[in-house]
Amino acid sequence: MRFDEAYSGKVFIMSRATGEEADAVIYGMPMDWTVSFRPGSRFGPNRIREASIGLEEYSPYLDRHLEDVSYHDAGDLLLPFGNAARSLDIIEDYTDELMEKGKFPLGMGGEHLVSWPVIQSVYKKYPDLAVIHIDAHADLREEYEGEVLSHSTPIRKTCELIGAENVYSFGIRSGMREEFQYAAESGMHMYKYEVLEPLQKVLPNLAGRPVYVTIDIDVLDPAYAPGTGTAEAGGISSKELLAAIHAIAGSELNIVGADLVEVAPAYDHSEKTQIAAGKLLREMLLGFVQ
């Protein structure tokens, strides 16, 4: 699918008609081929689009309106069911095109492994890239049950690609002992349990750097986001996650791309998860895209 291809399905609220006229492109990465617990995040992007229709177009947090940002919802990428390697190649090729055209990539997952090819693509253009990772899980495994392409591995792969010292993880409250040992010994920056307070301390150190932001919805406590594949008790509130997005937006970072992953709507009949995700994406659009 071309980055500016017309899309006849549901779109995120106030999407522009084509990618050519847009500064940012929203796209879905509907893959959940490697999940280790509950599948269904491949249905996340479209349910987030549906929930976005209930949003106001104005953000009182940022005093910006969606009409102030030019963005295009390109729809979901067509990914071959069950073929993780080919799916990742498609995502990377698509993001390469966005980067070549100077578009801001804003992805919707899908499992967290979909962030890996996007980070690879962004790194090609920004070799001094840093990554802000907000998540309940460390995602630092080298493999899961013998499979190196797993949703539990993207941050380990990112550390090995861009240097562990350039990776900043927040809100982490779950992982193998070995993952926490790797975090302590590798030079990466892991902040357990909390997000906003440590993030505010770190942001000045990243001033001027190109930064990619990846957010797993399961950083939220299941009370706020039960609709996810691997829910983890003891998380943060949606209010804190919004404040974290606003802190990033108000910093001197050069945000060059972002994603929000792991919304699995089948496990949340109240729709609070996709409603939260829609609002988070609205704030990311208004805060990260200038």
C-alpha atoms as a PDB file:
ATOM      1  CA  MET A   1       0.000   0.000   0.000  1.00  0.00           C
ATOM      2  CA  ARG A   2       1.322   3.428  -0.914  1.00  0.00           C
ATOM      3  CA  PHE A   3       1.645   5.949   1.879  1.00  0.00           C
ATOM      4  CA  ASP A   4      -0.889   8.247   0.169  1.00  0.00           C
ATOM      5  CA  GLU A   5      -3.293   5.559  -1.016  1.00  0.00           C
ATOM      6  CA  ALA A   6      -6.949   6.392  -0.577  1.00  0.00           C
ATOM      7  CA  TYR A   7      -8.642   4.426   2.196  1.00  0.00           C
ATOM      8  CA  SER A   8     -12.363   3.792   2.096  1.00  0.00           C
ATOM      9  CA  GLY A   9     -12.828   2.378   5.597  1.00  0.00           C
ATOM     10  CA  LYS A  10     -13.022   4.044   8.995  1.00  0.00           C
ATOM     11  CA  VAL A  11     -10.531   6.834   9.611  1.00  0.00           C
ATOM     12  CA  PHE A  12      -9.259   8.661  12.656  1.00  0.00           C
ATOM     13  CA  ILE A  13     -11.268  11.813  13.300  1.00  0.00           C
ATOM     14  CA  MET A  14     -10.484  14.737  10.961  1.00  0.00           C
ATOM     15  CA  SER A  15      -8.120  12.731   8.731  1.00  0.00           C
ATOM     16  CA  ARG A  16      -7.103  14.591   5.565  1.00  0.00           C
ATOM     17  CA  ALA A  17      -7.923  13.120   2.182  1.00  0.00           C
ATOM     18  CA  THR A  18      -4.427  12.199   1.018  1.00  0.00           C
ATOM     19  CA  GLY A  19      -0.960  11.609   2.382  1.00  0.00           C
ATOM     20  CA  GLU A  20       0.648  14.032  -0.040  1.00  0.00           C
ATOM     21  CA  GLU A  21      -0.902  17.040   1.701  1.00  0.00           C
ATOM     22  CA  ALA A  22      -0.252  15.735   5.213  1.00  0.00           C
ATOM     23  CA  ASP A  23       2.627  16.294   7.613  1.00  0.00           C
ATOM     24  CA  ALA A  24       1.846  13.082   9.503  1.00  0.00           C
ATOM     25  CA  VAL A  25       0.468   9.707   8.452  1.00  0.00           C
ATOM     26  CA  ILE A  26      -1.494   7.458  10.795  1.00  0.00           C
ATOM     27  CA  TYR A  27      -1.437   3.777   9.865  1.00  0.00           C
ATOM     28  CA  GLY A  28      -2.529   0.521  11.439  1.00  0.00           C
ATOM     29  CA  MET A  29      -0.239  -2.472  11.882  1.00  0.00           C
ATOM     30  CA  PRO A  30      -2.804  -5.240  12.527  1.00  0.00           C
ATOM     31  CA  MET A  31      -0.482  -8.034  13.589  1.00  0.00           C
ATOM     32  CA  ASP A  32      -0.760 -10.296  16.621  1.00  0.00           C
ATOM     33  CA  TRP A  33       0.960 -13.399  15.288  1.00  0.00           C
ATOM     34  CA  THR A  34       3.463 -13.822  18.163  1.00  0.00           C
ATOM     35  CA  VAL A  35       1.430 -13.009  21.271  1.00  0.00           C
ATOM     36  CA  SER A  36       2.065 -15.231  24.279  1.00  0.00           C
ATOM     37  CA  PHE A  37      -1.268 -14.860  26.087  1.00  0.00           C
ATOM     38  CA  ARG A  38      -4.393 -13.299  24.536  1.00  0.00           C
ATOM     39  CA  PRO A  39      -4.614 -12.513  20.797  1.00  0.00           C
ATOM     40  CA  GLY A  40      -6.802  -9.833  19.240  1.00  0.00           C
ATOM     41  CA  SER A  41      -4.678  -6.693  19.018  1.00  0.00           C
ATOM     42  CA  ARG A  42      -4.890  -6.883  15.230  1.00  0.00           C
ATOM     43  CA  PHE A  43      -8.405  -5.504  15.673  1.00  0.00           C
ATOM     44  CA  GLY A  44      -7.161  -2.560  17.744  1.00  0.00           C
ATOM     45  CA  PRO A  45      -6.549   0.054  15.051  1.00  0.00           C
ATOM     46  CA  ASN A  46     -10.060   0.021  13.633  1.00  0.00           C
ATOM     47  CA  ARG A  47     -11.707   0.086  17.051  1.00  0.00           C
ATOM     48  CA  ILE A  48      -9.543   3.060  18.008  1.00  0.00           C
ATOM     49  CA  ARG A  49     -10.709   4.797  14.837  1.00  0.00           C
ATOM     50  CA  GLU A  50     -14.324   4.120  15.800  1.00  0.00           C
ATOM     51  CA  ALA A  51     -13.753   5.484  19.307  1.00  0.00           C
ATOM     52  CA  SER A  52     -12.085   8.617  17.934  1.00  0.00           C
ATOM     53  CA  ILE A  53     -15.398   9.782  16.513  1.00  0.00           C
ATOM     54  CA  GLY A  54     -16.534  10.480  20.079  1.00  0.00           C
ATOM     55  CA  LEU A  55     -13.592  12.793  20.773  1.00  0.00           C
ATOM     56  CA  GLU A  56     -13.688  16.546  20.805  1.00  0.00           C
ATOM     57  CA  GLU A  57     -11.397  17.975  18.155  1.00  0.00           C
ATOM     58  CA  TYR A  58      -9.921  20.484  20.609  1.00  0.00           C
ATOM     59  CA  SER A  59      -7.406  19.695  23.340  1.00  0.00           C
ATOM     60  CA  PRO A  60      -7.711  21.941  26.409  1.00  0.00           C
ATOM     61  CA  TYR A  61      -4.420  20.477  27.652  1.00  0.00           C
ATOM     62  CA  LEU A  62      -2.451  21.777  24.681  1.00  0.00           C
ATOM     63  CA  ASP A  63      -4.785  24.533  23.467  1.00  0.00           C
ATOM     64  CA  ARG A  64      -4.632  23.068  19.977  1.00  0.00           C
ATOM     65  CA  HIS A  65      -7.317  21.888  17.564  1.00  0.00           C
ATOM     66  CA  LEU A  66      -7.009  18.951  15.197  1.00  0.00           C
ATOM     67  CA  GLU A  67      -7.487  21.362  12.304  1.00  0.00           C
ATOM     68  CA  ASP A  68      -4.065  22.781  13.299  1.00  0.00           C
ATOM     69  CA  VAL A  69      -2.352  19.522  12.331  1.00  0.00           C
ATOM     70  CA  SER A  70      -2.279  18.092   8.826  1.00  0.00           C
ATOM     71  CA  TYR A  71      -2.503  14.300   9.013  1.00  0.00           C
ATOM     72  CA  HIS A  72      -3.790  11.442   6.906  1.00  0.00           C
ATOM     73  CA  ASP A  73      -5.099   8.080   8.091  1.00  0.00           C
ATOM     74  CA  ALA A  74      -3.827   5.600   5.507  1.00  0.00           C
ATOM     75  CA  GLY A  75      -5.724   2.658   6.994  1.00  0.00           C
ATOM     76  CA  ASP A  76      -4.263  -0.695   7.954  1.00  0.00           C
ATOM     77  CA  LEU A  77      -1.294  -2.279   6.227  1.00  0.00           C
ATOM     78  CA  LEU A  78      -2.103  -5.563   4.521  1.00  0.00           C
ATOM     79  CA  LEU A  79      -0.069  -8.114   6.465  1.00  0.00           C
ATOM     80  CA  PRO A  80       0.048 -11.846   5.673  1.00  0.00           C
ATOM     81  CA  PHE A  81      -1.663 -13.698   8.492  1.00  0.00           C
ATOM     82  CA  GLY A  82       0.755 -15.740  10.587  1.00  0.00           C
ATOM     83  CA  ASN A  83       3.899 -14.672   8.721  1.00  0.00           C
ATOM     84  CA  ALA A  84       5.758 -12.478  11.207  1.00  0.00           C
ATOM     85  CA  ALA A  85       8.941 -12.036   9.176  1.00  0.00           C
ATOM     86  CA  ARG A  86       7.153 -10.954   6.009  1.00  0.00           C
ATOM     87  CA  SER A  87       4.820  -8.686   8.007  1.00  0.00           C
ATOM     88  CA  LEU A  88       7.768  -6.907   9.591  1.00  0.00           C
ATOM     89  CA  ASP A  89       9.354  -6.416   6.186  1.00  0.00           C
ATOM     90  CA  ILE A  90       6.154  -4.828   4.884  1.00  0.00           C
ATOM     91  CA  ILE A  91       5.991  -2.470   7.868  1.00  0.00           C
ATOM     92  CA  GLU A  92       9.634  -1.450   7.441  1.00  0.00           C
ATOM     93  CA  ASP A  93       9.232  -0.847   3.699  1.00  0.00           C
ATOM     94  CA  TYR A  94       6.149   1.260   4.312  1.00  0.00           C
ATOM     95  CA  THR A  95       7.844   3.328   7.003  1.00  0.00           C
ATOM     96  CA  ASP A  96      10.871   3.779   4.730  1.00  0.00           C
ATOM     97  CA  GLU A  97       8.547   5.450   2.235  1.00  0.00           C
ATOM     98  CA  LEU A  98       7.096   7.713   4.906  1.00  0.00           C
ATOM     99  CA  MET A  99      10.561   8.746   6.039  1.00  0.00           C
ATOM    100  CA  GLU A 100      11.671   9.384   2.449  1.00  0.00           C
ATOM    101  CA  LYS A 101       8.644  11.645   1.946  1.00  0.00           C
ATOM    102  CA  GLY A 102       9.328  13.523   5.179  1.00  0.00           C
ATOM    103  CA  LYS A 103       6.145  12.340   6.885  1.00  0.00           C
ATOM    104  CA  PHE A 104       5.770  11.859  10.630  1.00  0.00           C
ATOM    105  CA  PRO A 105       4.870   8.179  11.220  1.00  0.00           C
ATOM    106  CA  LEU A 106       2.199   7.524  13.852  1.00  0.00           C
ATOM    107  CA  GLY A 107       1.479   3.820  14.051  1.00  0.00           C
ATOM    108  CA  MET A 108      -1.291   1.864  15.739  1.00  0.00           C
ATOM    109  CA  GLY A 109      -0.765  -1.761  16.761  1.00  0.00           C
ATOM    110  CA  GLY A 110      -1.045  -4.603  16.847  1.00  0.00           C
ATOM    111  CA  GLU A 111       1.375  -6.370  19.127  1.00  0.00           C
ATOM    112  CA  HIS A 112       4.507  -4.578  20.288  1.00  0.00           C
ATOM    113  CA  LEU A 113       6.782  -6.373  17.841  1.00  0.00           C
ATOM    114  CA  VAL A 114       5.414  -4.068  15.118  1.00  0.00           C
ATOM    115  CA  SER A 115       7.426  -1.208  16.638  1.00  0.00           C
ATOM    116  CA  TRP A 116      10.694  -2.949  15.780  1.00  0.00           C
ATOM    117  CA  PRO A 117      10.657  -2.460  11.971  1.00  0.00           C
ATOM    118  CA  VAL A 118       9.498   1.133  12.411  1.00  0.00           C
ATOM    119  CA  ILE A 119      12.411   1.882  14.742  1.00  0.00           C
ATOM    120  CA  GLN A 120      14.770   0.265  12.240  1.00  0.00           C
ATOM    121  CA  SER A 121      13.412   2.523   9.508  1.00  0.00           C
ATOM    122  CA  VAL A 122      13.577   5.711  11.579  1.00  0.00           C
ATOM    123  CA  TYR A 123      17.133   4.847  12.683  1.00  0.00           C
ATOM    124  CA  LYS A 124      18.279   4.813   9.057  1.00  0.00           C
ATOM    125  CA  LYS A 125      17.432   8.507   8.836  1.00  0.00           C
ATOM    126  CA  TYR A 126      18.418   9.439  12.392  1.00  0.00           C
ATOM    127  CA  PRO A 127      21.548   7.490  13.444  1.00  0.00           C
ATOM    128  CA  ASP A 128      21.663   9.417  16.741  1.00  0.00           C
ATOM    129  CA  LEU A 129      18.145   8.222  17.604  1.00  0.00           C
ATOM    130  CA  ALA A 130      16.932   7.762  21.177  1.00  0.00           C
ATOM    131  CA  VAL A 131      13.825   5.767  22.100  1.00  0.00           C
ATOM    132  CA  ILE A 132      11.330   6.479  24.873  1.00  0.00           C
ATOM    133  CA  HIS A 133       9.517   3.251  25.740  1.00  0.00           C
ATOM    134  CA  ILE A 134       6.455   3.360  28.030  1.00  0.00           C
ATOM    135  CA  ASP A 135       5.197  -0.094  28.954  1.00  0.00           C
ATOM    136  CA  ALA A 136       4.314  -2.547  31.711  1.00  0.00           C
ATOM    137  CA  HIS A 137       6.752  -5.099  30.304  1.00  0.00           C
ATOM    138  CA  ALA A 138      10.499  -4.923  29.776  1.00  0.00           C
ATOM    139  CA  ASP A 139      10.354  -6.572  26.309  1.00  0.00           C
ATOM    140  CA  LEU A 140      14.058  -7.344  26.674  1.00  0.00           C
ATOM    141  CA  ARG A 141      14.038 -11.051  25.911  1.00  0.00           C
ATOM    142  CA  GLU A 142      16.280 -12.388  23.184  1.00  0.00           C
ATOM    143  CA  GLU A 143      13.627 -14.978  22.307  1.00  0.00           C
ATOM    144  CA  TYR A 144      10.400 -16.472  23.622  1.00  0.00           C
ATOM    145  CA  GLU A 145      10.130 -20.273  23.575  1.00  0.00           C
ATOM    146  CA  GLY A 146      12.778 -20.366  20.876  1.00  0.00           C
ATOM    147  CA  GLU A 147      11.215 -17.668  18.685  1.00  0.00           C
ATOM    148  CA  VAL A 148      13.365 -14.563  18.167  1.00  0.00           C
ATOM    149  CA  LEU A 149      10.497 -12.721  16.470  1.00  0.00           C
ATOM    150  CA  SER A 150       8.302 -12.230  19.520  1.00  0.00           C
ATOM    151  CA  HIS A 151       6.371  -9.379  21.084  1.00  0.00           C
ATOM    152  CA  SER A 152       8.617  -9.814  24.126  1.00  0.00           C
ATOM    153  CA  THR A 153      11.795  -8.889  22.182  1.00  0.00           C
ATOM    154  CA  PRO A 154      11.472  -5.463  20.460  1.00  0.00           C
ATOM    155  CA  ILE A 155      13.251  -3.379  23.101  1.00  0.00           C
ATOM    156  CA  ARG A 156      16.150  -5.841  23.330  1.00  0.00           C
ATOM    157  CA  LYS A 157      16.486  -5.613  19.550  1.00  0.00           C
ATOM    158  CA  THR A 158      16.320  -1.824  19.786  1.00  0.00           C
ATOM    159  CA  CYS A 159      19.079  -1.757  22.417  1.00  0.00           C
ATOM    160  CA  GLU A 160      21.281  -3.867  20.165  1.00  0.00           C
ATOM    161  CA  LEU A 161      20.575  -1.626  17.164  1.00  0.00           C
ATOM    162  CA  ILE A 162      20.917   1.897  18.556  1.00  0.00           C
ATOM    163  CA  GLY A 163      22.909   1.229  21.724  1.00  0.00           C
ATOM    164  CA  ALA A 164      21.347   0.383  25.070  1.00  0.00           C
ATOM    165  CA  GLU A 165      22.389   3.763  26.482  1.00  0.00           C
ATOM    166  CA  ASN A 166      19.961   5.409  24.042  1.00  0.00           C
ATOM    167  CA  VAL A 167      16.905   3.495  25.277  1.00  0.00           C
ATOM    168  CA  TYR A 168      14.717   4.855  28.090  1.00  0.00           C
ATOM    169  CA  SER A 169      12.004   2.591  29.514  1.00  0.00           C
ATOM    170  CA  PHE A 170       9.319   3.799  31.925  1.00  0.00           C
ATOM    171  CA  GLY A 171       6.573   2.123  33.932  1.00  0.00           C
ATOM    172  CA  ILE A 172       8.137  -1.339  33.770  1.00  0.00           C
ATOM    173  CA  ARG A 173       6.661  -3.750  36.302  1.00  0.00           C
ATOM    174  CA  SER A 174       6.969  -7.168  34.664  1.00  0.00           C
ATOM    175  CA  GLY A 175       9.703  -9.296  33.109  1.00  0.00           C
ATOM    176  CA  MET A 176      12.113 -12.159  33.618  1.00  0.00           C
ATOM    177  CA  ARG A 177      14.915 -11.794  36.157  1.00  0.00           C
ATOM    178  CA  GLU A 178      17.356 -11.895  33.249  1.00  0.00           C
ATOM    179  CA  GLU A 179      15.642  -8.913  31.604  1.00  0.00           C
ATOM    180  CA  PHE A 180      16.128  -6.761  34.668  1.00  0.00           C
ATOM    181  CA  GLN A 181      19.719  -7.933  34.926  1.00  0.00           C
ATOM    182  CA  TYR A 182      20.301  -6.953  31.300  1.00  0.00           C
ATOM    183  CA  ALA A 183      18.790  -3.529  31.969  1.00  0.00           C
ATOM    184  CA  ALA A 184      21.087  -3.004  34.950  1.00  0.00           C
ATOM    185  CA  GLU A 185      24.237  -4.156  33.160  1.00  0.00           C
ATOM    186  CA  SER A 186      23.741  -2.902  29.592  1.00  0.00           C
ATOM    187  CA  GLY A 187      23.642   0.814  30.227  1.00  0.00           C
ATOM    188  CA  MET A 188      20.010   1.279  29.210  1.00  0.00           C
ATOM    189  CA  HIS A 189      17.787   3.452  31.375  1.00  0.00           C
ATOM    190  CA  MET A 190      14.951   1.545  33.038  1.00  0.00           C
ATOM    191  CA  TYR A 191      12.539   3.213  35.446  1.00  0.00           C
ATOM    192  CA  LYS A 192      10.291   0.745  37.226  1.00  0.00           C
ATOM    193  CA  TYR A 193       6.637   1.260  38.187  1.00  0.00           C
ATOM    194  CA  GLU A 194       6.409   5.025  37.598  1.00  0.00           C
ATOM    195  CA  VAL A 195       6.322   7.079  34.411  1.00  0.00           C
ATOM    196  CA  LEU A 196       5.775  10.807  34.838  1.00  0.00           C
ATOM    197  CA  GLU A 197       8.236  11.685  37.613  1.00  0.00           C
ATOM    198  CA  PRO A 198      11.299   9.904  36.161  1.00  0.00           C
ATOM    199  CA  LEU A 199      10.378  11.024  32.650  1.00  0.00           C
ATOM    200  CA  GLN A 200      10.365  14.668  33.705  1.00  0.00           C
ATOM    201  CA  LYS A 201      13.873  14.227  35.115  1.00  0.00           C
ATOM    202  CA  VAL A 202      15.177  12.562  31.955  1.00  0.00           C
ATOM    203  CA  LEU A 203      13.723  14.869  29.297  1.00  0.00           C
ATOM    204  CA  PRO A 204      16.292  17.696  29.706  1.00  0.00           C
ATOM    205  CA  ASN A 205      19.059  15.174  28.980  1.00  0.00           C
ATOM    206  CA  LEU A 206      17.469  14.415  25.601  1.00  0.00           C
ATOM    207  CA  ALA A 207      17.019  18.023  24.488  1.00  0.00           C
ATOM    208  CA  GLY A 208      17.664  18.396  20.777  1.00  0.00           C
ATOM    209  CA  ARG A 209      17.871  14.647  20.165  1.00  0.00           C
ATOM    210  CA  PRO A 210      15.712  12.857  17.589  1.00  0.00           C
ATOM    211  CA  VAL A 211      13.434  10.626  19.667  1.00  0.00           C
ATOM    212  CA  TYR A 212      10.977   7.868  18.800  1.00  0.00           C
ATOM    213  CA  VAL A 213       8.178   7.259  21.333  1.00  0.00           C
ATOM    214  CA  THR A 214       6.552   3.842  21.694  1.00  0.00           C
ATOM    215  CA  ILE A 215       3.662   3.349  24.109  1.00  0.00           C
ATOM    216  CA  ASP A 216       2.138   0.008  25.071  1.00  0.00           C
ATOM    217  CA  ILE A 217      -1.403   0.553  26.359  1.00  0.00           C
ATOM    218  CA  ASP A 218      -0.769  -2.052  29.081  1.00  0.00           C
ATOM    219  CA  VAL A 219       1.333   0.473  30.998  1.00  0.00           C
ATOM    220  CA  LEU A 220      -2.092   1.558  32.216  1.00  0.00           C
ATOM    221  CA  ASP A 221      -3.581  -0.359  35.110  1.00  0.00           C
ATOM    222  CA  PRO A 222      -6.215  -2.852  33.929  1.00  0.00           C
ATOM    223  CA  ALA A 223      -8.792  -0.667  35.683  1.00  0.00           C
ATOM    224  CA  TYR A 224      -8.163   1.911  32.933  1.00  0.00           C
ATOM    225  CA  ALA A 225      -7.319  -0.446  30.051  1.00  0.00           C
ATOM    226  CA  PRO A 226      -8.554  -4.035  30.422  1.00  0.00           C
ATOM    227  CA  GLY A 227      -8.586  -4.488  26.645  1.00  0.00           C
ATOM    228  CA  THR A 228      -5.032  -5.660  26.089  1.00  0.00           C
ATOM    229  CA  GLY A 229      -3.360  -8.983  25.499  1.00  0.00           C
ATOM    230  CA  THR A 230      -1.177  -9.148  28.611  1.00  0.00           C
ATOM    231  CA  ALA A 231      -2.793  -7.013  31.284  1.00  0.00           C
ATOM    232  CA  GLU A 232      -0.609  -6.373  34.327  1.00  0.00           C
ATOM    233  CA  ALA A 233      -1.915  -5.164  37.694  1.00  0.00           C
ATOM    234  CA  GLY A 234      -0.283  -2.199  39.419  1.00  0.00           C
ATOM    235  CA  GLY A 235      -0.160   0.213  36.512  1.00  0.00           C
ATOM    236  CA  ILE A 236      -0.503   3.946  36.122  1.00  0.00           C
ATOM    237  CA  SER A 237      -3.657   5.958  35.476  1.00  0.00           C
ATOM    238  CA  SER A 238      -4.743   7.358  32.140  1.00  0.00           C
ATOM    239  CA  LYS A 239      -4.311  10.811  33.700  1.00  0.00           C
ATOM    240  CA  GLU A 240      -0.625  10.119  34.348  1.00  0.00           C
ATOM    241  CA  LEU A 241      -0.077   8.776  30.829  1.00  0.00           C
ATOM    242  CA  LEU A 242      -1.687  11.866  29.336  1.00  0.00           C
ATOM    243  CA  ALA A 243       0.566  14.013  31.509  1.00  0.00           C
ATOM    244  CA  ALA A 244       3.591  12.044  30.282  1.00  0.00           C
ATOM    245  CA  ILE A 245       2.625  12.698  26.655  1.00  0.00           C
ATOM    246  CA  HIS A 246       2.204  16.386  27.444  1.00  0.00           C
ATOM    247  CA  ALA A 247       5.607  16.463  29.179  1.00  0.00           C
ATOM    248  CA  ILE A 248       7.238  15.011  26.076  1.00  0.00           C
ATOM    249  CA  ALA A 249       5.318  17.439  23.869  1.00  0.00           C
ATOM    250  CA  GLY A 250       6.424  20.401  25.965  1.00  0.00           C
ATOM    251  CA  SER A 251      10.082  19.422  26.000  1.00  0.00           C
ATOM    252  CA  GLU A 252      12.847  20.365  23.592  1.00  0.00           C
ATOM    253  CA  LEU A 253      12.984  16.911  22.013  1.00  0.00           C
ATOM    254  CA  ASN A 254      12.797  16.387  18.272  1.00  0.00           C
ATOM    255  CA  ILE A 255      10.042  13.757  18.137  1.00  0.00           C
ATOM    256  CA  VAL A 256      10.463  11.946  14.817  1.00  0.00           C
ATOM    257  CA  GLY A 257       7.845   9.205  15.137  1.00  0.00           C
ATOM    258  CA  ALA A 258       5.598   7.379  17.571  1.00  0.00           C
ATOM    259  CA  ASP A 259       3.244   4.469  18.035  1.00  0.00           C
ATOM    260  CA  LEU A 260       0.582   3.139  20.387  1.00  0.00           C
ATOM    261  CA  VAL A 261       0.217  -0.630  20.527  1.00  0.00           C
ATOM    262  CA  GLU A 262      -1.476  -3.646  22.140  1.00  0.00           C
ATOM    263  CA  VAL A 263      -5.120  -2.512  22.201  1.00  0.00           C
ATOM    264  CA  ALA A 264      -7.123  -5.768  22.076  1.00  0.00           C
ATOM    265  CA  PRO A 265     -10.773  -4.665  22.086  1.00  0.00           C
ATOM    266  CA  ALA A 266     -12.390  -8.090  22.561  1.00  0.00           C
ATOM    267  CA  TYR A 267     -11.460  -8.054  26.250  1.00  0.00           C
ATOM    268  CA  ASP A 268     -13.132  -4.710  26.999  1.00  0.00           C
ATOM    269  CA  HIS A 269     -16.851  -4.585  26.281  1.00  0.00           C
ATOM    270  CA  SER A 270     -17.035  -1.195  27.994  1.00  0.00           C
ATOM    271  CA  GLU A 271     -14.668   0.175  25.275  1.00  0.00           C
ATOM    272  CA  LYS A 272     -12.762   2.220  27.854  1.00  0.00           C
ATOM    273  CA  THR A 273      -9.441   0.948  26.448  1.00  0.00           C
ATOM    274  CA  GLN A 274     -10.015   2.118  22.885  1.00  0.00           C
ATOM    275  CA  ILE A 275     -11.586   5.351  24.150  1.00  0.00           C
ATOM    276  CA  ALA A 276      -8.425   6.030  26.157  1.00  0.00           C
ATOM    277  CA  ALA A 277      -6.262   5.069  23.177  1.00  0.00           C
ATOM    278  CA  GLY A 278      -8.120   7.467  20.907  1.00  0.00           C
ATOM    279  CA  LYS A 279      -7.569  10.352  23.298  1.00  0.00           C
ATOM    280  CA  LEU A 280      -3.921   9.456  23.756  1.00  0.00           C
ATOM    281  CA  LEU A 281      -3.431   9.453  19.983  1.00  0.00           C
ATOM    282  CA  ARG A 282      -5.172  12.803  19.682  1.00  0.00           C
ATOM    283  CA  GLU A 283      -2.752  14.276  22.210  1.00  0.00           C
ATOM    284  CA  MET A 284       0.208  12.652  20.451  1.00  0.00           C
ATOM    285  CA  LEU A 285      -0.883  14.201  17.156  1.00  0.00           C
ATOM    286  CA  LEU A 286      -1.349  17.631  18.681  1.00  0.00           C
ATOM    287  CA  GLY A 287       1.754  17.460  20.853  1.00  0.00           C
ATOM    288  CA  PHE A 288       4.289  15.689  18.645  1.00  0.00           C
ATOM    289  CA  VAL A 289       3.446  16.965  15.142  1.00  0.00           C
ATOM    290  CA  GLN A 290       4.189  20.629  14.526  1.00  0.00           C
END
